[in-house]
């Protein structure tokens, strides 16, 4: 059986589905930075046009605010086409509002519901 090349150069993108990276847990800047780097790696390796999103849930949403030490990292990820979303329930728990998020970072009402809906739509789910 011949080898099949599944590189980004040979596959066509199905833009109705994508990759959804879930970041949950402690507010550790190194951890969120690594998650964003992994998402950037996915953008580079997947066929052009495959959507990649990162959903941040829990205390880590505090790292997504304007003026965060991760501002440059967040901007670079957004520049690569990665959609970064904060859970509004987590924002509320951290006493933050969507208006305080870094430019380009969006929000969803509940991360758990967003994750479920994307999976029902056929998106790949990865938790980091």
Protein backbone atom coordinates (compact mmCIF):
# COMPACT_ATOMS: atom_id res chain seq x y z
CA UNK A 1 0.00 0.00 0.00
CA UNK A 2 1.53 3.35 -0.99
CA UNK A 3 2.27 6.00 1.59
CA UNK A 4 -0.30 8.75 1.72
CA UNK A 5 0.94 12.28 2.29
CA UNK A 6 -1.33 14.11 4.70
CA UNK A 7 0.72 17.29 4.81
CA UNK A 8 -0.87 20.72 4.72
CA UNK A 9 0.33 21.10 1.13
CA UNK A 10 -1.78 18.22 -0.15
CA UNK A 11 -4.99 18.54 1.82
CA UNK A 12 -7.82 20.91 1.08
CA UNK A 13 -9.31 22.79 3.98
CA UNK A 14 -12.82 22.09 5.18
CA UNK A 15 -13.55 25.50 6.66
CA UNK A 16 -16.88 24.34 8.10
CA UNK A 17 -14.83 22.51 10.74
CA UNK A 18 -11.72 23.45 12.61
CA UNK A 19 -9.55 22.86 15.62
CA UNK A 20 -10.65 24.02 19.04
CA UNK A 21 -8.01 24.22 21.78
CA UNK A 22 -9.34 24.35 25.34
CA UNK A 23 -7.24 26.01 28.02
CA UNK A 24 -8.61 25.50 31.52
CA UNK A 25 -7.03 25.73 34.90
CA UNK A 26 -4.63 27.94 36.77
CA UNK A 27 -3.68 31.43 35.63
CA UNK A 28 -0.13 30.57 34.60
CA UNK A 29 1.29 32.76 31.85
CA UNK A 30 3.77 30.09 30.69
CA UNK A 31 0.93 27.60 30.31
CA UNK A 32 -1.27 29.94 28.26
CA UNK A 33 1.71 31.04 26.16
CA UNK A 34 2.45 27.37 25.39
CA UNK A 35 -1.20 26.81 24.45
CA UNK A 36 -1.09 29.74 22.03
CA UNK A 37 2.18 28.44 20.52
CA UNK A 38 0.53 25.04 20.00
CA UNK A 39 -2.37 26.75 18.24
CA UNK A 40 0.11 28.62 16.03
CA UNK A 41 1.80 25.31 15.21
CA UNK A 42 -1.58 23.93 14.18
CA UNK A 43 -2.18 26.90 11.86
CA UNK A 44 1.22 26.31 10.26
CA UNK A 45 0.76 22.56 9.81
CA UNK A 46 -2.89 22.32 8.80
CA UNK A 47 -4.24 23.14 5.35
CA UNK A 48 -4.60 26.87 4.73
CA UNK A 49 -7.94 28.18 5.90
CA UNK A 50 -8.68 25.62 8.61
CA UNK A 51 -10.01 27.68 11.52
CA UNK A 52 -8.15 27.37 14.82
CA UNK A 53 -9.64 28.69 18.04
CA UNK A 54 -8.53 28.83 21.64
CA UNK A 55 -11.14 28.94 24.41
CA UNK A 56 -9.86 30.00 27.81
CA UNK A 57 -11.86 28.94 30.86
CA UNK A 58 -11.16 29.44 34.54
CA UNK A 59 -8.70 31.81 36.23
CA UNK A 60 -6.56 31.96 33.05
CA UNK A 61 -9.01 34.47 31.57
CA UNK A 62 -7.24 37.09 33.68
CA UNK A 63 -4.23 36.72 31.38
CA UNK A 64 -6.32 37.84 28.40
CA UNK A 65 -6.94 41.38 29.63
CA UNK A 66 -5.53 44.48 28.02
CA UNK A 67 -2.11 45.24 29.48
CA UNK A 68 -1.40 41.58 30.30
CA UNK A 69 2.19 40.36 30.25
CA UNK A 70 1.04 38.11 27.39
CA UNK A 71 -0.10 41.03 25.24
CA UNK A 72 2.51 40.48 22.53
CA UNK A 73 1.91 36.71 22.48
CA UNK A 74 -1.85 37.24 22.22
CA UNK A 75 -1.44 39.76 19.39
CA UNK A 76 0.87 37.40 17.49
CA UNK A 77 -1.62 34.53 17.79
CA UNK A 78 -4.47 36.74 16.60
CA UNK A 79 -2.22 37.87 13.73
CA UNK A 80 -1.85 34.22 12.73
CA UNK A 81 -5.63 34.00 12.43
CA UNK A 82 -6.28 32.27 15.73
CA UNK A 83 -9.57 33.21 17.34
CA UNK A 84 -9.12 33.58 21.10
CA UNK A 85 -12.24 33.44 23.25
CA UNK A 86 -12.73 33.93 26.98
CA UNK A 87 -15.52 32.27 28.94
CA UNK A 88 -17.80 35.02 30.27
CA UNK A 89 -18.72 32.90 33.31
CA UNK A 90 -15.01 32.75 34.15
CA UNK A 91 -14.65 36.47 33.51
CA UNK A 92 -17.50 37.13 35.94
CA UNK A 93 -15.86 34.89 38.56
CA UNK A 94 -12.62 36.84 38.13
CA UNK A 95 -14.57 40.12 38.40
CA UNK A 96 -13.65 41.07 34.84
CA UNK A 97 -15.75 42.17 31.87
CA UNK A 98 -15.40 41.47 28.14
CA UNK A 99 -14.56 45.16 27.72
CA UNK A 100 -11.31 44.59 29.62
CA UNK A 101 -10.04 41.94 27.19
CA UNK A 102 -7.04 42.50 24.94
CA UNK A 103 -7.98 43.89 21.52
CA UNK A 104 -9.13 41.07 19.27
CA UNK A 105 -10.02 38.65 22.06
CA UNK A 106 -13.68 37.67 22.05
CA UNK A 107 -15.90 35.95 24.55
CA UNK A 108 -18.56 33.26 24.74
CA UNK A 109 -21.33 33.02 27.35
CA UNK A 110 -20.17 29.62 28.63
CA UNK A 111 -17.05 27.77 27.51
CA UNK A 112 -18.66 24.39 28.15
CA UNK A 113 -21.57 25.16 25.81
CA UNK A 114 -19.27 26.57 23.11
CA UNK A 115 -17.05 23.48 23.28
CA UNK A 116 -20.05 21.17 22.97
CA UNK A 117 -21.52 23.07 20.05
CA UNK A 118 -18.26 23.10 18.11
CA UNK A 119 -17.82 19.36 18.68
CA UNK A 120 -21.36 18.73 17.41
CA UNK A 121 -20.35 20.70 14.31
CA UNK A 122 -17.41 18.34 13.77
CA UNK A 123 -14.55 20.44 15.14
CA UNK A 124 -11.54 18.63 16.60
CA UNK A 125 -11.22 19.19 20.36
CA UNK A 126 -7.85 19.42 22.09
CA UNK A 127 -7.39 20.26 25.76
CA UNK A 128 -4.04 21.71 26.78
